[in-house]
Each structure stands twice: as structure tokens, then as C-alpha cells.
Amino acid sequence: MIMNKFDHAKFVLETLETHGFDAYFVGGSVRDFYMGREIHDVDVTTNARPDTIKDLFKKTIDVGIEHGTVIVLLDNEPIEVTTYRTETSYTDHRRPDSVSFTTSLLEDLSRRDFTMNAIAMDKNMNIVDPFDGHIAIKYKRIETVGIADERFNEDALRMLRAVRFISQLDFTLTKETENAIRKNISLIKHVSIERIVKELKKLYEGKNVNEAKKAFVNTNMYMQIPFFNSLSAAEIINTNAHSLKDEIIVQHIKDRTMAYKNVLKLSNKETRYINNSLRLLDEARGNLESKRIAYKYSDEILDNTLILLELNPILDESLIKRLKDAQNEKLKLPIKKRSELKINGRILMEKLNKRGGPWLQELLSKIEGEVIMGRLMNNEKDILEWVKYEQENYS
């Protein structure tokens, strides 16, 4: 699978070389190939100019042509092709004020963030590694290309990427890298919250998230980021979470006054997931029957919230039993949703000879509850008999 990604993209290199240009695989795909990891996106660097790249390939997309980047579509699979370039100053600490195209691969690799990402590889899998990125990979070190202070001053996002790589790659920061992050950490304010959250999500999905969180705290990075800056170092480090959503849930269980939606600009779907998880825990603490909990909440919410409680037993161990009971009840539920009832509003109006109104939803809710609790069989005959009895005795 690893080779297939490169074999597919090799057509781009061969096409460029056929027309007299140099071309190499570069960046994260080369790093991951060297590490034996699964490869996702393959990037190419070349001395061909953007207009030439567009002329040589049938299907292209302009995504950052002013910065030398063109996407080439091969069988609808995107391959990012970027012209060798150098960059000037970074006034906003995020993007270069201007870029200049160059014919030097070395100059292009010199502008990259970390040595492990500054390795180029030709179509025959021979590497060009002027900054000894392969050594950094061998010893699992995160070190910058050139002077760390300069790299982080250019683009403050690189500091967050460094910490994210601890989680994803199981690497460690070199002392110089860690000190430079701590020194320049206030520059994080120049990074948009959307970009920060994107990096944090990747950080939490990594296998070494706990070590990454330690670096997140030790470099004082957490103090620069909304939501996290209202937590103590211990609160962050002592939480076991494998997604940003789970981190928010755990911290909210401890302190419901914490704001997160607007400060982190989460999507409505993410916010709904967090709110449902917190509501589940509230109802599990209360008197809501396990069957009703099982019916009300999805498998995803039940299972993930239970895992979160088991990973963080300091929260409330008594809730673990409640959620396990709900999981067991879910397997035995007679229906999973209201549409599975063997009766509907039309039948009820017809049989009761009544027009629609608020009463109909109230009655359907009662029927639904009785079926869920196992007090009423889910068939039309039994339901109508129950409705008749209820109307005769309680109306």
C-alpha cells in the first residue's frame, strides 16, 4: 500500500523529468515512508513553474498558485505539486510576505519546519537529506531546520505542530526546540482558533497523547489557548482523553461554568455530542430508569461516555454501573425509535374519531414509554386496548 501511493504519483515525477525538470517526493509522505507508516497525501516539489505544471497535466486545480502550488488530479486523486521556492519575512508570524521561485532544491528544503519533513526522494527512492532528517527519525527527535527561534517566529503554528508530532509519531522535542517554543509561545495568538483546534484534534487522536499533553503544559502552550487557559496544568495532565471532545466533557464534569463552544468555535455537531454526553451523565445521576436512558441515547454516546468514565474513575465510579446497566438494557429494547411502534397518529385519529392536536403527541409519547418499559406489547391490538382502557379510566 505504501509503494502503491508512490507508484501512482510517480507519473507526475516522470512527466516533469521527461520535459527537462527535476521533481521529488517531499514532506510528510517521505517521512512516513522512511518510518514504515501508512502514507496518506503525497506531495511533490519541482523546479517547474506553476504555469508549466498546468500545461503538462490534463486536470489541475489552482489552490495556491501565487505560492507555487498546483494540485494535479490523477484518477481523481489529488497530488500537490509545488515549485521550489524561498520565502521572505513573516510579518504576521503565519505566512510569508512574499515568495520567490528558485531552481535550488536545497533552498526549498531550507524553508521547511522540521528536519524530518525536509527530506526529498526521487522516483527511484533515493533520498536527498541535507539536514539529516533521517537521523532525527532514527532517534525520534523533533528538531527544526536551522535555528528554532527563527522557524517559530516565521510561523507560530509550527510550535503546535511540534507538540502534535509527539502524539502522532511518538517523538520527543529536542532541548533547543522545547526552549524555543517556551520562549516564543506568545506568538500563538497570531494563529486562528480554527487552525489551533484542527491541530489539537490531531494531537488527541495520536497514540502518545499523554506525552504530548505534558509538552503542551511544560512549554506553557496551554496558557495561550482559549478553554485550556482556564485550567491548571494538573487538570490537563491528569485527564485521560483521546479526542478534544472527550477532554472538554471531562473538564465540564468538573466545572460546568467553563465556556467552550464559542471560544473553540466547534461545529454544531460537536457541540451536540458534548451536550448529549453531559446530559446523559446528569440523567444517570438522577432517577431516570436504565431502560429510558438506553432508549434515549445512541450506542456511540453510551459507549464513549462509559469508556471516558473508566479512563477517569476519579469523576464518579458509581456512574459506571448505571451506564453498563443501560448498555445491557439497550440490547433488550423492544424498539429503537418511535417509528418502530406498530401504531401511528393516523391510526389513532381514525380509531378514536378525533382530529389531530397536542393530545396526539402526548398519547404517542405515553405509548412509546409503556412499550420501552415492557409494560405494553408492541402490536396494534394491545396498544389500542391499552388506549381504550386509559381513556375510560383516566380521561
Protein backbone atom coordinates (compact mmCIF):
# COMPACT_ATOMS: atom_id res chain seq x y z
CA MET A 1 0.00 0.00 0.00
CA ILE A 2 2.88 2.34 0.85
CA MET A 3 4.54 1.75 -2.50
CA ASN A 4 1.24 1.98 -4.37
CA LYS A 5 0.83 5.60 -3.25
CA PHE A 6 4.24 6.50 -4.65
CA ASP A 7 3.84 4.30 -7.73
CA HIS A 8 0.65 6.15 -8.55
CA ALA A 9 2.26 9.57 -8.05
CA LYS A 10 5.47 8.56 -9.86
CA PHE A 11 3.74 9.51 -13.11
CA VAL A 12 3.97 13.15 -12.03
CA LEU A 13 7.72 12.92 -11.44
CA GLU A 14 8.32 11.08 -14.72
CA THR A 15 6.26 13.57 -16.70
CA LEU A 16 8.16 16.52 -15.25
CA GLU A 17 11.53 14.82 -15.82
CA THR A 18 10.62 13.92 -19.40
CA HIS A 19 10.17 17.62 -20.06
CA GLY A 20 13.55 18.52 -18.56
CA PHE A 21 12.61 19.36 -14.97
CA ASP A 22 13.69 18.00 -11.62
CA ALA A 23 11.00 16.55 -9.37
CA TYR A 24 10.94 14.85 -5.97
CA PHE A 25 8.55 13.49 -3.41
CA VAL A 26 8.81 15.62 -0.29
CA GLY A 27 7.46 16.26 3.19
CA GLY A 28 5.34 14.04 5.40
CA SER A 29 4.93 11.24 2.86
CA VAL A 30 8.71 10.75 2.65
CA ARG A 31 9.00 10.86 6.43
CA ASP A 32 6.23 8.28 6.82
CA PHE A 33 7.75 6.08 4.09
CA TYR A 34 11.06 6.16 5.93
CA MET A 35 9.24 5.19 9.16
CA GLY A 36 7.17 2.44 7.55
CA ARG A 37 3.95 4.28 8.35
CA GLU A 38 0.80 4.42 6.26
CA ILE A 39 1.00 7.19 3.70
CA HIS A 40 -1.92 9.49 3.03
CA ASP A 41 -1.15 12.50 0.86
CA VAL A 42 1.86 12.53 -1.48
CA ASP A 43 3.43 15.92 -2.19
CA VAL A 44 5.84 16.76 -4.99
CA THR A 45 8.38 19.57 -5.32
CA THR A 46 9.88 20.65 -8.64
CA ASN A 47 11.78 23.43 -10.39
CA ALA A 48 8.98 23.67 -12.97
CA ARG A 49 6.90 26.84 -12.67
CA PRO A 50 3.15 26.66 -11.88
CA ASP A 51 2.05 27.58 -15.41
CA THR A 52 4.25 24.84 -16.82
CA ILE A 53 2.82 22.31 -14.36
CA LYS A 54 -0.68 23.24 -15.51
CA ASP A 55 0.31 22.82 -19.15
CA LEU A 56 1.79 19.36 -18.59
CA PHE A 57 -1.19 17.74 -16.87
CA LYS A 58 -4.77 17.40 -18.07
CA LYS A 59 -6.54 18.02 -14.79
CA THR A 60 -5.25 20.60 -12.33
CA ILE A 61 -6.68 22.84 -9.62
CA ASP A 62 -5.27 26.20 -8.56
CA VAL A 63 -5.13 26.13 -4.76
CA GLY A 64 -2.17 28.38 -4.02
CA ILE A 65 -0.73 29.22 -7.37
CA GLU A 66 0.61 32.55 -6.09
CA HIS A 67 2.74 30.49 -3.70
CA GLY A 68 3.68 27.99 -6.39
CA THR A 69 1.21 25.21 -5.58
CA VAL A 70 -0.95 23.38 -8.10
CA ILE A 71 -2.99 20.25 -7.44
CA VAL A 72 -2.65 17.61 -10.14
CA LEU A 73 -5.53 15.15 -10.35
CA LEU A 74 -4.57 11.59 -11.28
CA ASP A 75 -7.63 9.34 -11.48
CA ASN A 76 -9.33 11.97 -9.30
CA GLU A 77 -6.67 11.57 -6.61
CA PRO A 78 -5.07 14.92 -5.70
CA ILE A 79 -1.29 15.32 -5.70
CA GLU A 80 0.06 18.66 -4.54
CA VAL A 81 2.88 19.91 -6.75
CA THR A 82 4.84 22.96 -5.59
CA THR A 83 7.61 24.89 -7.31
CA TYR A 84 10.91 25.23 -5.41
CA ARG A 85 10.65 28.48 -3.54
CA THR A 86 12.24 30.75 -0.98
CA GLU A 87 10.34 32.96 1.43
CA THR A 88 10.85 36.46 2.78
CA SER A 89 9.86 37.82 6.19
CA TYR A 90 6.72 36.71 8.05
CA THR A 91 5.17 39.91 9.37
CA ASP A 92 2.06 38.16 10.73
CA HIS A 93 4.03 35.17 12.13
CA ARG A 94 1.96 32.82 9.95
CA ARG A 95 2.53 33.33 6.23
CA PRO A 96 5.42 34.75 4.21
CA ASP A 97 5.00 38.31 2.99
CA SER A 98 6.15 37.08 -0.41
CA VAL A 99 7.70 34.05 -2.07
CA SER A 100 10.25 33.76 -4.84
CA PHE A 101 10.67 30.76 -7.08
CA THR A 102 14.11 29.19 -7.18
CA THR A 103 15.87 26.44 -9.10
CA SER A 104 17.57 25.09 -5.97
CA LEU A 105 16.16 22.08 -4.13
CA LEU A 106 18.40 22.92 -1.17
CA GLU A 107 16.91 26.39 -0.86
CA ASP A 108 13.43 24.90 -0.95
CA LEU A 109 14.20 22.32 1.75
CA SER A 110 15.82 25.05 3.87
CA ARG A 111 12.47 26.82 4.37
CA ARG A 112 10.73 23.78 5.87
CA ASP A 113 9.81 23.36 9.53
CA PHE A 114 11.46 20.21 10.91
CA THR A 115 14.37 18.14 9.65
CA MET A 116 12.20 15.02 9.43
CA ASN A 117 9.98 16.91 6.96
CA ALA A 118 12.88 18.30 4.91
CA ILE A 119 13.78 15.09 3.10
CA ALA A 120 13.26 14.76 -0.66
CA MET A 121 13.06 11.44 -2.51
CA ASP A 122 13.37 10.74 -6.21
CA LYS A 123 11.35 8.26 -8.25
CA ASN A 124 13.91 5.52 -7.50
CA MET A 125 13.51 6.02 -3.75
CA ASN A 126 16.91 7.70 -3.35
CA ILE A 127 16.78 10.43 -0.73
CA VAL A 128 18.20 13.94 -0.61
CA ASP A 129 18.64 14.84 3.05
CA PRO A 130 20.82 17.92 3.61
CA PHE A 131 19.64 18.40 7.21
CA ASP A 132 19.98 14.79 8.39
CA GLY A 133 16.28 14.27 8.83
CA HIS A 134 16.79 10.50 8.68
CA ILE A 135 18.89 10.75 11.84
CA ALA A 136 16.14 12.72 13.59
CA ILE A 137 13.71 9.98 12.56
CA LYS A 138 16.04 7.24 13.77
CA TYR A 139 16.35 8.82 17.21
CA LYS A 140 12.75 10.11 17.25
CA ARG A 141 13.72 13.75 17.62
CA ILE A 142 11.70 16.80 16.68
CA GLU A 143 14.24 19.41 15.62
CA THR A 144 13.86 22.42 13.38
CA VAL A 145 15.63 23.13 10.13
CA GLY A 146 18.16 25.75 11.14
CA ILE A 147 17.61 27.99 14.16
CA ALA A 148 14.47 27.10 16.12
CA ASP A 149 13.75 30.70 17.17
CA GLU A 150 13.67 31.77 13.54
CA ARG A 151 11.42 28.91 12.42
CA PHE A 152 8.84 29.62 15.14
CA ASN A 153 8.98 33.36 14.57
CA GLU A 154 8.22 32.77 10.91
CA ASP A 155 5.19 30.59 11.56
CA ALA A 156 3.82 30.23 15.09
CA LEU A 157 1.70 27.23 14.06
CA ARG A 158 4.91 25.20 13.87
CA MET A 159 5.06 25.15 17.66
CA LEU A 160 1.69 23.44 17.89
CA ARG A 161 2.67 21.06 15.08
CA ALA A 162 5.77 20.09 17.04
CA VAL A 163 3.68 19.09 20.05
CA ARG A 164 1.18 17.30 17.83
CA PHE A 165 4.01 15.21 16.33
CA ILE A 166 4.87 13.97 19.83
CA SER A 167 1.45 12.36 19.93
CA GLN A 168 1.28 11.15 16.33
CA LEU A 169 4.84 9.90 15.86
CA ASP A 170 5.93 9.13 19.42
CA PHE A 171 8.85 11.55 19.02
CA THR A 172 10.33 13.94 21.61
CA LEU A 173 11.30 17.59 21.39
CA THR A 174 15.00 18.36 21.40
CA LYS A 175 16.04 20.74 24.17
CA GLU A 176 16.59 23.53 21.67
CA THR A 177 13.14 23.00 20.17
CA GLU A 178 11.43 22.91 23.57
CA ASN A 179 13.24 26.03 24.81
CA ALA A 180 12.42 27.92 21.62
CA ILE A 181 8.73 27.02 21.94
CA ARG A 182 8.67 28.23 25.53
CA LYS A 183 10.43 31.46 24.53
CA ASN A 184 8.15 32.22 21.57
CA ILE A 185 4.89 30.77 22.85
CA SER A 186 3.09 34.13 23.00
CA LEU A 187 3.16 34.17 19.18
CA ILE A 188 0.42 31.53 19.20
CA LYS A 189 -2.02 34.44 19.39
CA HIS A 190 -1.33 35.03 15.69
CA VAL A 191 -2.79 31.62 14.79
CA SER A 192 -6.53 31.44 14.16
CA ILE A 193 -8.56 29.43 16.65
CA GLU A 194 -9.86 27.25 13.80
CA ARG A 195 -6.30 26.24 12.89
CA ILE A 196 -5.40 25.66 16.54
CA VAL A 197 -8.42 23.40 17.03
CA LYS A 198 -7.54 21.44 13.89
CA GLU A 199 -4.08 20.70 15.32
CA LEU A 200 -5.49 19.85 18.75
CA LYS A 201 -7.88 17.32 17.25
CA LYS A 202 -4.95 15.57 15.55
CA LEU A 203 -2.97 15.71 18.79
CA TYR A 204 -5.72 13.96 20.74
CA GLU A 205 -6.09 11.27 18.08
CA GLY A 206 -2.43 10.26 18.37
CA LYS A 207 -1.18 7.22 20.26
CA ASN A 208 1.09 9.23 22.55
CA VAL A 209 -1.38 11.90 23.57
CA ASN A 210 -0.38 11.91 27.25
CA GLU A 211 3.26 12.75 26.47
CA ALA A 212 2.10 15.44 24.06
CA LYS A 213 -0.08 16.94 26.79
CA LYS A 214 2.92 17.10 29.10
CA ALA A 215 4.81 19.11 26.48
CA PHE A 216 1.67 21.20 25.91
CA VAL A 217 1.84 22.11 29.59
CA ASN A 218 5.62 22.26 30.10
CA THR A 219 6.06 24.77 27.27
CA ASN A 220 3.18 26.89 28.67
CA MET A 221 1.35 26.45 25.38
CA TYR A 222 -1.93 25.74 27.17
CA MET A 223 -1.86 29.22 28.70
CA GLN A 224 -2.18 30.77 25.24
CA ILE A 225 -5.21 28.79 24.07
CA PRO A 226 -8.84 29.52 24.98
CA PHE A 227 -10.57 26.96 27.22
CA PHE A 228 -7.24 25.41 28.23
CA ASN A 229 -6.02 28.68 29.73
CA SER A 230 -8.76 28.39 32.36
CA LEU A 231 -7.41 25.01 33.50
CA SER A 232 -4.48 24.19 35.73
CA ALA A 233 -1.52 22.18 34.47
CA ALA A 234 -2.54 19.27 36.71
CA GLU A 235 -6.12 19.26 35.40
CA ILE A 236 -4.85 18.88 31.84
CA ILE A 237 -2.17 16.27 32.52
CA ASN A 238 -4.32 14.13 34.82
CA THR A 239 -7.16 13.77 32.33
CA ASN A 240 -7.30 10.71 30.08
CA ALA A 241 -8.96 11.65 26.80
CA HIS A 242 -8.46 10.53 23.22
CA SER A 243 -10.37 13.29 21.48
CA LEU A 244 -10.73 17.00 22.02
CA LYS A 245 -14.45 16.45 22.64
CA ASP A 246 -13.68 14.00 25.43
CA GLU A 247 -11.25 16.44 27.05
CA ILE A 248 -13.99 19.07 27.08
CA ILE A 249 -16.52 16.61 28.54
CA VAL A 250 -14.21 15.57 31.39
CA GLN A 251 -13.33 19.15 32.27
CA HIS A 252 -17.00 20.13 32.13
CA ILE A 253 -17.95 17.37 34.52
CA LYS A 254 -15.60 19.00 37.00
CA ASP A 255 -16.72 22.56 36.26
CA ARG A 256 -19.93 23.27 34.34
CA THR A 257 -19.23 27.00 34.15
CA MET A 258 -16.44 26.59 31.60
CA ALA A 259 -17.13 28.06 28.16
CA TYR A 260 -16.04 26.05 25.15
CA LYS A 261 -18.37 26.32 22.15
CA ASN A 262 -17.75 29.91 21.15
CA VAL A 263 -14.14 30.15 22.30
CA LEU A 264 -13.13 27.00 20.39
CA LYS A 265 -15.62 27.56 17.54
CA LEU A 266 -16.75 23.95 17.47
CA SER A 267 -19.31 22.76 14.95
CA ASN A 268 -22.95 22.29 15.92
CA LYS A 269 -22.47 18.52 15.57
CA GLU A 270 -19.53 18.53 18.00
CA THR A 271 -21.37 20.73 20.46
CA ARG A 272 -24.44 18.47 20.28
CA TYR A 273 -22.26 15.43 21.03
CA ILE A 274 -20.72 17.13 24.08
CA ASN A 275 -24.08 18.36 25.37
CA ASN A 276 -25.68 14.93 24.92
CA SER A 277 -22.83 13.26 26.82
CA LEU A 278 -23.16 15.71 29.70
CA ARG A 279 -26.96 15.33 29.72
CA LEU A 280 -26.55 11.55 29.81
CA LEU A 281 -24.37 11.82 32.90
CA ASP A 282 -26.86 14.15 34.58
CA GLU A 283 -29.72 11.74 33.94
CA ALA A 284 -27.64 8.74 35.03
CA ARG A 285 -27.05 10.52 38.34
CA GLY A 286 -30.78 11.09 38.68
CA ASN A 287 -33.75 8.75 38.78
CA LEU A 288 -34.25 8.08 35.07
CA GLU A 289 -34.69 4.35 34.54
CA SER A 290 -31.90 2.46 32.77
CA LYS A 291 -34.31 1.40 30.01
CA ARG A 292 -35.20 5.02 29.28
CA ILE A 293 -31.53 6.01 29.27
CA ALA A 294 -30.82 3.14 26.87
CA TYR A 295 -33.62 4.25 24.56
CA LYS A 296 -32.82 7.94 24.66
CA TYR A 297 -29.09 7.82 23.91
CA SER A 298 -27.21 6.35 20.95
CA ASP A 299 -24.73 3.49 21.21
CA GLU A 300 -21.96 5.95 20.39
CA ILE A 301 -22.83 8.28 23.27
CA LEU A 302 -23.34 5.44 25.75
CA ASP A 303 -20.21 3.52 24.80
CA ASN A 304 -17.89 6.51 24.56
CA THR A 305 -19.11 8.08 27.79
CA LEU A 306 -18.63 4.79 29.61
CA ILE A 307 -15.08 4.48 28.26
CA LEU A 308 -14.40 8.04 29.40
CA LEU A 309 -15.62 7.25 32.92
CA GLU A 310 -13.48 4.10 33.06
CA LEU A 311 -10.43 6.06 31.94
CA ASN A 312 -11.14 8.76 34.52
CA PRO A 313 -12.56 6.93 37.58
CA ILE A 314 -11.97 9.99 39.72
CA LEU A 315 -15.06 11.51 38.08
CA ASP A 316 -17.78 9.26 39.52
CA GLU A 317 -17.32 5.49 39.74
CA SER A 318 -20.99 4.93 40.63
CA LEU A 319 -21.99 6.08 37.15
CA ILE A 320 -20.07 3.26 35.52
CA LYS A 321 -22.58 0.68 36.80
CA ARG A 322 -25.50 2.85 35.69
CA LEU A 323 -24.18 3.12 32.14
CA LYS A 324 -23.34 -0.58 31.95
CA ASP A 325 -26.91 -1.34 33.02
CA ALA A 326 -28.15 0.96 30.26
CA GLN A 327 -25.92 -0.81 27.72
CA ASN A 328 -27.40 -4.17 28.72
CA GLU A 329 -30.94 -2.81 28.57
CA LYS A 330 -30.30 -1.42 25.09
CA LEU A 331 -29.80 -4.95 23.78
CA LYS A 332 -33.25 -5.93 25.07
CA LEU A 333 -35.25 -2.88 23.97
CA PRO A 334 -38.40 -3.83 22.03
CA ILE A 335 -37.99 -0.75 19.82
CA LYS A 336 -35.07 1.54 18.99
CA LYS A 337 -37.12 4.52 17.82
CA ARG A 338 -40.71 5.73 17.74
CA SER A 339 -41.19 4.86 14.07
CA GLU A 340 -40.94 1.18 15.06
CA LEU A 341 -44.20 1.39 17.03
CA LYS A 342 -46.92 -0.74 15.46
CA ILE A 343 -49.24 2.23 15.54
CA ASN A 344 -49.13 5.82 14.36
CA GLY A 345 -51.02 9.09 14.60
CA ARG A 346 -53.24 8.37 11.60
CA ILE A 347 -54.49 5.09 13.06
CA LEU A 348 -55.12 6.67 16.46
CA MET A 349 -57.13 9.55 14.98
CA GLU A 350 -59.15 7.11 12.90
CA LYS A 351 -59.86 4.66 15.74
CA LEU A 352 -60.65 7.40 18.27
CA ASN A 353 -62.52 9.50 15.74
CA LYS A 354 -60.61 12.63 16.77
CA ARG A 355 -58.83 15.41 14.92
CA GLY A 356 -55.13 15.96 15.39
CA GLY A 357 -53.85 18.17 18.17
CA PRO A 358 -51.43 18.26 21.12
CA TRP A 359 -53.18 15.23 22.59
CA LEU A 360 -51.84 13.04 19.78
CA GLN A 361 -48.15 13.59 20.52
CA GLU A 362 -48.81 13.23 24.25
CA LEU A 363 -50.55 9.90 23.66
CA LEU A 364 -47.82 8.62 21.33
CA SER A 365 -45.21 9.54 23.95
CA LYS A 366 -47.11 7.58 26.61
CA ILE A 367 -47.44 4.57 24.32
CA GLU A 368 -43.75 4.79 23.48
CA GLY A 369 -42.83 4.88 27.17
CA GLU A 370 -45.03 1.91 28.06
CA VAL A 371 -43.55 -0.17 25.23
CA ILE A 372 -39.99 0.76 26.21
CA MET A 373 -40.60 -0.19 29.84
CA GLY A 374 -42.03 -3.55 28.78
CA ARG A 375 -45.48 -2.87 30.20
CA LEU A 376 -47.16 -2.90 26.79
CA MET A 377 -46.65 -5.25 23.86
CA ASN A 378 -45.74 -3.56 20.59
CA ASN A 379 -48.69 -4.63 18.46
CA GLU A 380 -51.68 -2.64 17.27
CA LYS A 381 -54.31 -4.74 19.09
CA ASP A 382 -52.68 -4.47 22.53
CA ILE A 383 -51.91 -0.79 22.07
CA LEU A 384 -55.50 0.07 21.11
CA GLU A 385 -56.85 -1.90 24.07
CA TRP A 386 -54.46 -0.02 26.37
CA VAL A 387 -55.55 3.32 24.88
CA LYS A 388 -59.22 2.41 25.38
CA TYR A 389 -58.58 1.41 28.99
CA GLU A 390 -56.65 4.63 29.66
CA GLN A 391 -59.39 6.77 28.17
CA GLU A 392 -62.14 5.01 30.10
CA ASN A 393 -60.37 5.17 33.43
CA TYR A 394 -58.24 8.34 33.37
CA SER A 395 -59.87 10.76 30.93
